[in-house]
């Protein structure tokens, strides 16, 4: 019986020979057959990464992306047969990848692209209308203890770099050359029906929504956003969440959502 672990290692490492118990049905050279299989696997996984991270690929070019992707594949082979799940650790890998250190914003671009993919495949849920939220809030004795629950596809990207503008420019929205990369940006990512949207927001609104995702109560989320000094506009943030269909429920501390 073939040692599957040894075969998997040899499949991803071109320096390794085929396991001793591997043979070809037609008596051809196992090393040559494995090389073909190895190439097919690598090409397929690089194709998955290229499809998931197109802006990341455009920023570094095909050759660099292919070399970086090969290193990632060898370090983090798939753990699931569902290829839509492959690439979850790519942004963190880029952050550690020495040749990419000259583009410090690149990992967050990849994070944004990954959030778009996960939003696409997330579960669906019916949003609360503005009237429903207002009625729930009016019936809440302690607003600070209320918990707002967000759509399963909803996620937040917060970056010290202008990655939202970089991503948008690659969609034909804005001039890439005019972007100040040192400007911190945030975005809400959400799927509405079959369309995934990237909604630029103020960093405070990003912190607010991130706190809600973590399960913090409304009062704590406002504090996390920096609302104590009046810099955070809670009504505008709530209106934005309602407008994009992100709010799906409201509960109170101790309730089971």
C-alpha atoms as a PDB file:
ATOM      1  CA  UNK A   1       0.000   0.000   0.000  1.00  0.00           C
ATOM      2  CA  UNK A   2       1.264   3.456  -0.913  1.00  0.00           C
ATOM      3  CA  UNK A   3       2.322   5.688   1.959  1.00  0.00           C
ATOM      4  CA  UNK A   4      -0.097   8.551   1.326  1.00  0.00           C
ATOM      5  CA  UNK A   5       1.743  11.037   3.537  1.00  0.00           C
ATOM      6  CA  UNK A   6       5.029  10.376   1.747  1.00  0.00           C
ATOM      7  CA  UNK A   7       3.285  10.642  -1.612  1.00  0.00           C
ATOM      8  CA  UNK A   8       1.715  13.975  -0.644  1.00  0.00           C
ATOM      9  CA  UNK A   9       5.103  15.363   0.419  1.00  0.00           C
ATOM     10  CA  UNK A  10       6.708  14.198  -2.834  1.00  0.00           C
ATOM     11  CA  UNK A  11       3.819  15.639  -4.809  1.00  0.00           C
ATOM     12  CA  UNK A  12       4.495  19.167  -3.533  1.00  0.00           C
ATOM     13  CA  UNK A  13       8.282  19.049  -3.262  1.00  0.00           C
ATOM     14  CA  UNK A  14      10.087  18.647  -6.600  1.00  0.00           C
ATOM     15  CA  UNK A  15      13.313  17.826  -4.766  1.00  0.00           C
ATOM     16  CA  UNK A  16      11.841  14.575  -3.415  1.00  0.00           C
ATOM     17  CA  UNK A  17      11.812  11.334  -5.418  1.00  0.00           C
ATOM     18  CA  UNK A  18       8.650   9.212  -5.662  1.00  0.00           C
ATOM     19  CA  UNK A  19       8.072   6.966  -2.627  1.00  0.00           C
ATOM     20  CA  UNK A  20       9.694   3.580  -3.050  1.00  0.00           C
ATOM     21  CA  UNK A  21       6.341   1.797  -3.323  1.00  0.00           C
ATOM     22  CA  UNK A  22       5.105   3.942  -6.218  1.00  0.00           C
ATOM     23  CA  UNK A  23       5.164   2.365  -9.670  1.00  0.00           C
ATOM     24  CA  UNK A  24       3.567   3.069 -13.053  1.00  0.00           C
ATOM     25  CA  UNK A  25       1.097   0.640 -14.562  1.00  0.00           C
ATOM     26  CA  UNK A  26       2.988   0.560 -17.879  1.00  0.00           C
ATOM     27  CA  UNK A  27       6.459   0.256 -16.309  1.00  0.00           C
ATOM     28  CA  UNK A  28       7.361   3.826 -17.264  1.00  0.00           C
ATOM     29  CA  UNK A  29       9.561   5.962 -15.037  1.00  0.00           C
ATOM     30  CA  UNK A  30       7.606   6.799 -11.824  1.00  0.00           C
ATOM     31  CA  UNK A  31       9.592   9.999 -11.400  1.00  0.00           C
ATOM     32  CA  UNK A  32       8.530  11.248 -14.834  1.00  0.00           C
ATOM     33  CA  UNK A  33       4.878  10.346 -14.199  1.00  0.00           C
ATOM     34  CA  UNK A  34       4.955  12.003 -10.798  1.00  0.00           C
ATOM     35  CA  UNK A  35       6.449  15.153 -12.337  1.00  0.00           C
ATOM     36  CA  UNK A  36       3.452  15.437 -14.665  1.00  0.00           C
ATOM     37  CA  UNK A  37       1.017  14.920 -11.801  1.00  0.00           C
ATOM     38  CA  UNK A  38       2.969  17.350  -9.620  1.00  0.00           C
ATOM     39  CA  UNK A  39       2.797  20.013 -12.331  1.00  0.00           C
ATOM     40  CA  UNK A  40      -0.950  19.513 -12.830  1.00  0.00           C
ATOM     41  CA  UNK A  41      -1.630  19.857  -9.099  1.00  0.00           C
ATOM     42  CA  UNK A  42       0.494  22.993  -8.813  1.00  0.00           C
ATOM     43  CA  UNK A  43      -1.060  24.610 -11.883  1.00  0.00           C
ATOM     44  CA  UNK A  44      -4.559  23.871 -10.562  1.00  0.00           C
ATOM     45  CA  UNK A  45      -3.878  25.348  -7.115  1.00  0.00           C
ATOM     46  CA  UNK A  46      -2.164  28.406  -8.565  1.00  0.00           C
ATOM     47  CA  UNK A  47      -5.238  28.877 -10.728  1.00  0.00           C
ATOM     48  CA  UNK A  48      -7.430  28.845  -7.613  1.00  0.00           C
ATOM     49  CA  UNK A  49      -5.247  31.490  -5.970  1.00  0.00           C
ATOM     50  CA  UNK A  50      -5.206  33.629  -9.110  1.00  0.00           C
ATOM     51  CA  UNK A  51      -9.006  33.501  -9.337  1.00  0.00           C
ATOM     52  CA  UNK A  52      -9.439  34.399  -5.656  1.00  0.00           C
ATOM     53  CA  UNK A  53      -6.776  37.116  -5.494  1.00  0.00           C
ATOM     54  CA  UNK A  54      -6.828  38.858  -8.903  1.00  0.00           C
ATOM     55  CA  UNK A  55      -5.893  42.325  -7.613  1.00  0.00           C
ATOM     56  CA  UNK A  56      -3.050  40.885  -5.543  1.00  0.00           C
ATOM     57  CA  UNK A  57      -1.800  39.184  -8.703  1.00  0.00           C
ATOM     58  CA  UNK A  58      -2.095  42.374 -10.756  1.00  0.00           C
ATOM     59  CA  UNK A  59      -0.138  44.357  -8.169  1.00  0.00           C
ATOM     60  CA  UNK A  60       2.881  42.043  -8.240  1.00  0.00           C
ATOM     61  CA  UNK A  61       2.661  40.643 -11.755  1.00  0.00           C
ATOM     62  CA  UNK A  62       2.122  37.095 -12.977  1.00  0.00           C
ATOM     63  CA  UNK A  63       5.696  35.866 -12.501  1.00  0.00           C
ATOM     64  CA  UNK A  64       6.045  37.106  -8.919  1.00  0.00           C
ATOM     65  CA  UNK A  65       2.542  35.882  -8.026  1.00  0.00           C
ATOM     66  CA  UNK A  66       3.276  32.446  -9.446  1.00  0.00           C
ATOM     67  CA  UNK A  67       6.538  32.153  -7.471  1.00  0.00           C
ATOM     68  CA  UNK A  68       4.869  33.370  -4.268  1.00  0.00           C
ATOM     69  CA  UNK A  69       1.918  31.079  -4.859  1.00  0.00           C
ATOM     70  CA  UNK A  70       4.177  28.051  -5.298  1.00  0.00           C
ATOM     71  CA  UNK A  71       5.808  28.773  -1.945  1.00  0.00           C
ATOM     72  CA  UNK A  72       2.380  29.080  -0.333  1.00  0.00           C
ATOM     73  CA  UNK A  73       1.095  25.840  -1.860  1.00  0.00           C
ATOM     74  CA  UNK A  74       4.114  23.919  -0.605  1.00  0.00           C
ATOM     75  CA  UNK A  75       3.809  25.455   2.862  1.00  0.00           C
ATOM     76  CA  UNK A  76       0.003  25.197   3.076  1.00  0.00           C
ATOM     77  CA  UNK A  77      -1.452  22.441   0.896  1.00  0.00           C
ATOM     78  CA  UNK A  78      -5.243  22.066   0.754  1.00  0.00           C
ATOM     79  CA  UNK A  79      -6.917  20.462   3.759  1.00  0.00           C
ATOM     80  CA  UNK A  80     -10.340  20.264   2.158  1.00  0.00           C
ATOM     81  CA  UNK A  81     -11.562  18.961  -1.212  1.00  0.00           C
ATOM     82  CA  UNK A  82     -13.606  22.174  -1.543  1.00  0.00           C
ATOM     83  CA  UNK A  83     -11.372  24.461  -3.549  1.00  0.00           C
ATOM     84  CA  UNK A  84     -13.477  27.524  -2.632  1.00  0.00           C
ATOM     85  CA  UNK A  85     -12.005  27.145   0.856  1.00  0.00           C
ATOM     86  CA  UNK A  86      -8.399  27.229  -0.332  1.00  0.00           C
ATOM     87  CA  UNK A  87      -6.396  30.370   0.278  1.00  0.00           C
ATOM     88  CA  UNK A  88      -7.611  31.273   3.766  1.00  0.00           C
ATOM     89  CA  UNK A  89      -4.055  31.792   5.027  1.00  0.00           C
ATOM     90  CA  UNK A  90      -2.651  33.453   1.922  1.00  0.00           C
ATOM     91  CA  UNK A  91      -2.768  37.019   3.287  1.00  0.00           C
ATOM     92  CA  UNK A  92      -0.889  36.024   6.456  1.00  0.00           C
ATOM     93  CA  UNK A  93       1.619  34.144   4.311  1.00  0.00           C
ATOM     94  CA  UNK A  94       2.200  37.262   2.190  1.00  0.00           C
ATOM     95  CA  UNK A  95       2.830  39.264   5.358  1.00  0.00           C
ATOM     96  CA  UNK A  96       5.675  36.859   6.197  1.00  0.00           C
ATOM     97  CA  UNK A  97       6.955  36.458   2.631  1.00  0.00           C
ATOM     98  CA  UNK A  98      10.262  38.302   2.540  1.00  0.00           C
ATOM     99  CA  UNK A  99      10.259  39.240  -1.175  1.00  0.00           C
ATOM    100  CA  UNK A 100       6.887  40.992  -0.698  1.00  0.00           C
ATOM    101  CA  UNK A 101       8.015  43.221   2.168  1.00  0.00           C
ATOM    102  CA  UNK A 102       8.406  46.158  -0.183  1.00  0.00           C
ATOM    103  CA  UNK A 103       4.606  46.223  -0.577  1.00  0.00           C
ATOM    104  CA  UNK A 104       3.411  46.423   3.049  1.00  0.00           C
ATOM    105  CA  UNK A 105      -0.197  46.974   1.979  1.00  0.00           C
ATOM    106  CA  UNK A 106      -0.318  43.783  -0.102  1.00  0.00           C
ATOM    107  CA  UNK A 107      -1.474  41.433   2.716  1.00  0.00           C
ATOM    108  CA  UNK A 108      -4.511  43.655   3.382  1.00  0.00           C
ATOM    109  CA  UNK A 109      -5.404  43.699  -0.311  1.00  0.00           C
ATOM    110  CA  UNK A 110      -5.400  39.899  -0.153  1.00  0.00           C
ATOM    111  CA  UNK A 111      -7.488  40.012   3.045  1.00  0.00           C
ATOM    112  CA  UNK A 112     -10.090  42.138   1.296  1.00  0.00           C
ATOM    113  CA  UNK A 113     -10.239  39.725  -1.622  1.00  0.00           C
ATOM    114  CA  UNK A 114     -10.612  36.776   0.751  1.00  0.00           C
ATOM    115  CA  UNK A 115     -13.454  38.528   2.610  1.00  0.00           C
ATOM    116  CA  UNK A 116     -15.240  38.969  -0.705  1.00  0.00           C
ATOM    117  CA  UNK A 117     -14.995  35.250  -1.404  1.00  0.00           C
ATOM    118  CA  UNK A 118     -16.210  34.221   2.045  1.00  0.00           C
ATOM    119  CA  UNK A 119     -19.090  36.700   1.769  1.00  0.00           C
ATOM    120  CA  UNK A 120     -20.104  35.126  -1.526  1.00  0.00           C
ATOM    121  CA  UNK A 121     -20.407  31.673   0.061  1.00  0.00           C
ATOM    122  CA  UNK A 122     -21.884  32.745   3.422  1.00  0.00           C
ATOM    123  CA  UNK A 123     -25.377  31.839   4.577  1.00  0.00           C
ATOM    124  CA  UNK A 124     -28.279  34.169   3.842  1.00  0.00           C
ATOM    125  CA  UNK A 125     -30.574  35.977   6.285  1.00  0.00           C
ATOM    126  CA  UNK A 126     -33.403  38.496   6.156  1.00  0.00           C
ATOM    127  CA  UNK A 127     -32.419  42.032   7.210  1.00  0.00           C
ATOM    128  CA  UNK A 128     -34.293  44.222   9.668  1.00  0.00           C
ATOM    129  CA  UNK A 129     -35.967  47.273   8.204  1.00  0.00           C
ATOM    130  CA  UNK A 130     -35.397  50.703   9.674  1.00  0.00           C
ATOM    131  CA  UNK A 131     -38.904  50.639  11.140  1.00  0.00           C
ATOM    132  CA  UNK A 132     -38.326  47.249  12.763  1.00  0.00           C
ATOM    133  CA  UNK A 133     -35.028  48.368  14.292  1.00  0.00           C
ATOM    134  CA  UNK A 134     -36.587  51.604  15.571  1.00  0.00           C
ATOM    135  CA  UNK A 135     -39.414  49.657  17.202  1.00  0.00           C
ATOM    136  CA  UNK A 136     -36.983  47.231  18.827  1.00  0.00           C
ATOM    137  CA  UNK A 137     -34.774  50.040  20.102  1.00  0.00           C
ATOM    138  CA  UNK A 138     -37.788  51.949  21.449  1.00  0.00           C
ATOM    139  CA  UNK A 139     -38.773  48.844  23.394  1.00  0.00           C
ATOM    140  CA  UNK A 140     -35.281  48.476  24.891  1.00  0.00           C
ATOM    141  CA  UNK A 141     -34.808  49.832  28.415  1.00  0.00           C
ATOM    142  CA  UNK A 142     -30.996  49.811  28.286  1.00  0.00           C
ATOM    143  CA  UNK A 143     -29.799  50.730  24.816  1.00  0.00           C
ATOM    144  CA  UNK A 144     -26.176  50.285  25.785  1.00  0.00           C
ATOM    145  CA  UNK A 145     -26.814  46.609  26.561  1.00  0.00           C
ATOM    146  CA  UNK A 146     -28.559  45.897  23.266  1.00  0.00           C
ATOM    147  CA  UNK A 147     -26.764  43.601  20.845  1.00  0.00           C
ATOM    148  CA  UNK A 148     -27.040  44.119  17.119  1.00  0.00           C
ATOM    149  CA  UNK A 149     -26.594  41.003  14.992  1.00  0.00           C
ATOM    150  CA  UNK A 150     -25.188  41.297  11.494  1.00  0.00           C
ATOM    151  CA  UNK A 151     -25.706  39.358   8.289  1.00  0.00           C
ATOM    152  CA  UNK A 152     -23.649  36.129   8.051  1.00  0.00           C
ATOM    153  CA  UNK A 153     -21.832  37.492   4.997  1.00  0.00           C
ATOM    154  CA  UNK A 154     -20.929  40.774   6.684  1.00  0.00           C
ATOM    155  CA  UNK A 155     -17.256  41.412   7.443  1.00  0.00           C
ATOM    156  CA  UNK A 156     -15.011  44.384   8.094  1.00  0.00           C
ATOM    157  CA  UNK A 157     -11.628  45.226   6.673  1.00  0.00           C
ATOM    158  CA  UNK A 158      -9.550  47.713   8.657  1.00  0.00           C
ATOM    159  CA  UNK A 159      -6.158  48.685   7.309  1.00  0.00           C
ATOM    160  CA  UNK A 160      -3.491  51.325   7.970  1.00  0.00           C
ATOM    161  CA  UNK A 161      -3.156  51.490   4.180  1.00  0.00           C
ATOM    162  CA  UNK A 162      -5.455  52.741   1.418  1.00  0.00           C
ATOM    163  CA  UNK A 163      -6.245  49.207   0.273  1.00  0.00           C
ATOM    164  CA  UNK A 164      -9.942  49.875  -0.335  1.00  0.00           C
ATOM    165  CA  UNK A 165      -9.013  52.572  -2.850  1.00  0.00           C
ATOM    166  CA  UNK A 166      -6.371  50.290  -4.389  1.00  0.00           C
ATOM    167  CA  UNK A 167      -8.922  47.511  -4.832  1.00  0.00           C
ATOM    168  CA  UNK A 168     -11.517  49.938  -6.218  1.00  0.00           C
ATOM    169  CA  UNK A 169      -9.032  51.385  -8.720  1.00  0.00           C
ATOM    170  CA  UNK A 170      -8.496  47.892 -10.098  1.00  0.00           C
ATOM    171  CA  UNK A 171     -12.268  47.690 -10.651  1.00  0.00           C
ATOM    172  CA  UNK A 172     -12.156  50.865 -12.721  1.00  0.00           C
ATOM    173  CA  UNK A 173     -13.227  53.123  -9.851  1.00  0.00           C
ATOM    174  CA  UNK A 174     -10.616  55.807  -9.239  1.00  0.00           C
ATOM    175  CA  UNK A 175      -7.073  56.574 -10.312  1.00  0.00           C
ATOM    176  CA  UNK A 176      -4.457  54.224  -8.858  1.00  0.00           C
ATOM    177  CA  UNK A 177      -1.672  56.778  -9.337  1.00  0.00           C
ATOM    178  CA  UNK A 178      -3.541  59.371  -7.252  1.00  0.00           C
ATOM    179  CA  UNK A 179      -3.967  57.178  -4.165  1.00  0.00           C
ATOM    180  CA  UNK A 180      -2.173  58.108  -0.946  1.00  0.00           C
ATOM    181  CA  UNK A 181      -1.180  54.650   0.234  1.00  0.00           C
ATOM    182  CA  UNK A 182      -0.410  55.881   3.764  1.00  0.00           C
ATOM    183  CA  UNK A 183      -4.065  56.790   4.387  1.00  0.00           C
ATOM    184  CA  UNK A 184      -5.854  54.332   6.701  1.00  0.00           C
ATOM    185  CA  UNK A 185      -9.069  52.960   5.233  1.00  0.00           C
ATOM    186  CA  UNK A 186     -11.888  50.653   6.240  1.00  0.00           C
ATOM    187  CA  UNK A 187     -14.681  48.870   4.398  1.00  0.00           C
ATOM    188  CA  UNK A 188     -17.756  46.809   5.080  1.00  0.00           C
ATOM    189  CA  UNK A 189     -18.038  43.691   2.933  1.00  0.00           C
ATOM    190  CA  UNK A 190     -21.510  42.239   2.395  1.00  0.00           C
ATOM    191  CA  UNK A 191     -23.392  40.041  -0.042  1.00  0.00           C
ATOM    192  CA  UNK A 192     -26.765  41.304  -1.160  1.00  0.00           C
ATOM    193  CA  UNK A 193     -28.569  38.618  -3.138  1.00  0.00           C
ATOM    194  CA  UNK A 194     -25.798  37.353  -5.447  1.00  0.00           C
ATOM    195  CA  UNK A 195     -23.678  40.504  -5.467  1.00  0.00           C
ATOM    196  CA  UNK A 196     -20.809  41.096  -3.031  1.00  0.00           C
ATOM    197  CA  UNK A 197     -20.338  44.754  -2.185  1.00  0.00           C
ATOM    198  CA  UNK A 198     -17.307  46.544  -0.788  1.00  0.00           C
ATOM    199  CA  UNK A 199     -18.557  49.663   0.998  1.00  0.00           C
ATOM    200  CA  UNK A 200     -15.895  52.224   2.011  1.00  0.00           C
ATOM    201  CA  UNK A 201     -16.552  53.594   5.502  1.00  0.00           C
ATOM    202  CA  UNK A 202     -14.794  55.824   7.987  1.00  0.00           C
ATOM    203  CA  UNK A 203     -12.328  53.933  10.230  1.00  0.00           C
ATOM    204  CA  UNK A 204     -14.586  54.629  13.233  1.00  0.00           C
ATOM    205  CA  UNK A 205     -17.518  52.945  11.480  1.00  0.00           C
ATOM    206  CA  UNK A 206     -15.217  50.021  10.730  1.00  0.00           C
ATOM    207  CA  UNK A 207     -14.254  49.689  14.397  1.00  0.00           C
ATOM    208  CA  UNK A 208     -17.917  49.916  15.406  1.00  0.00           C
ATOM    209  CA  UNK A 209     -19.014  47.136  13.068  1.00  0.00           C
ATOM    210  CA  UNK A 210     -16.018  44.982  14.016  1.00  0.00           C
ATOM    211  CA  UNK A 211     -17.027  45.265  17.670  1.00  0.00           C
ATOM    212  CA  UNK A 212     -20.575  44.190  16.797  1.00  0.00           C
ATOM    213  CA  UNK A 213     -19.206  41.166  14.936  1.00  0.00           C
ATOM    214  CA  UNK A 214     -17.262  40.240  18.079  1.00  0.00           C
ATOM    215  CA  UNK A 215     -20.549  40.215  20.002  1.00  0.00           C
ATOM    216  CA  UNK A 216     -20.035  43.420  21.959  1.00  0.00           C
ATOM    217  CA  UNK A 217     -23.112  45.281  23.161  1.00  0.00           C
ATOM    218  CA  UNK A 218     -24.079  48.558  21.525  1.00  0.00           C
ATOM    219  CA  UNK A 219     -22.540  50.744  24.226  1.00  0.00           C
ATOM    220  CA  UNK A 220     -19.225  48.904  24.137  1.00  0.00           C
ATOM    221  CA  UNK A 221     -19.194  48.991  20.339  1.00  0.00           C
ATOM    222  CA  UNK A 222     -19.672  52.764  20.375  1.00  0.00           C
ATOM    223  CA  UNK A 223     -16.750  53.080  22.793  1.00  0.00           C
ATOM    224  CA  UNK A 224     -14.620  50.856  20.557  1.00  0.00           C
ATOM    225  CA  UNK A 225     -15.430  53.163  17.661  1.00  0.00           C
ATOM    226  CA  UNK A 226     -14.152  56.160  19.604  1.00  0.00           C
ATOM    227  CA  UNK A 227     -17.528  57.675  20.264  1.00  0.00           C
ATOM    228  CA  UNK A 228     -16.621  59.120  23.648  1.00  0.00           C
ATOM    229  CA  UNK A 229     -15.030  62.169  22.018  1.00  0.00           C
ATOM    230  CA  UNK A 230     -17.890  62.682  19.574  1.00  0.00           C
ATOM    231  CA  UNK A 231     -15.836  61.593  16.553  1.00  0.00           C
ATOM    232  CA  UNK A 232     -18.147  58.668  15.801  1.00  0.00           C
ATOM    233  CA  UNK A 233     -21.565  59.271  14.229  1.00  0.00           C
ATOM    234  CA  UNK A 234     -23.749  56.445  15.589  1.00  0.00           C
ATOM    235  CA  UNK A 235     -26.959  57.401  13.746  1.00  0.00           C
ATOM    236  CA  UNK A 236     -25.070  57.533  10.440  1.00  0.00           C
ATOM    237  CA  UNK A 237     -23.467  54.140  11.108  1.00  0.00           C
ATOM    238  CA  UNK A 238     -26.800  52.544  11.986  1.00  0.00           C
ATOM    239  CA  UNK A 239     -28.407  54.092   8.924  1.00  0.00           C
ATOM    240  CA  UNK A 240     -25.592  52.686   6.798  1.00  0.00           C
ATOM    241  CA  UNK A 241     -26.011  49.191   8.227  1.00  0.00           C
ATOM    242  CA  UNK A 242     -29.770  49.334   7.603  1.00  0.00           C
ATOM    243  CA  UNK A 243     -29.319  50.710   4.093  1.00  0.00           C
ATOM    244  CA  UNK A 244     -27.022  47.880   3.048  1.00  0.00           C
ATOM    245  CA  UNK A 245     -29.152  45.211   4.737  1.00  0.00           C
ATOM    246  CA  UNK A 246     -26.510  44.239   7.280  1.00  0.00           C
ATOM    247  CA  UNK A 247     -28.675  44.246  10.443  1.00  0.00           C
ATOM    248  CA  UNK A 248     -30.683  41.057  10.910  1.00  0.00           C
ATOM    249  CA  UNK A 249     -31.593  40.990  14.619  1.00  0.00           C
ATOM    250  CA  UNK A 250     -31.429  42.754  17.957  1.00  0.00           C
ATOM    251  CA  UNK A 251     -31.186  41.062  21.325  1.00  0.00           C
ATOM    252  CA  UNK A 252     -30.269  41.977  24.885  1.00  0.00           C
ATOM    253  CA  UNK A 253     -27.431  40.907  27.132  1.00  0.00           C
ATOM    254  CA  UNK A 254     -28.090  37.357  28.230  1.00  0.00           C
ATOM    255  CA  UNK A 255     -30.515  36.616  25.376  1.00  0.00           C
ATOM    256  CA  UNK A 256     -29.913  33.802  22.946  1.00  0.00           C
ATOM    257  CA  UNK A 257     -29.942  35.370  19.476  1.00  0.00           C
END
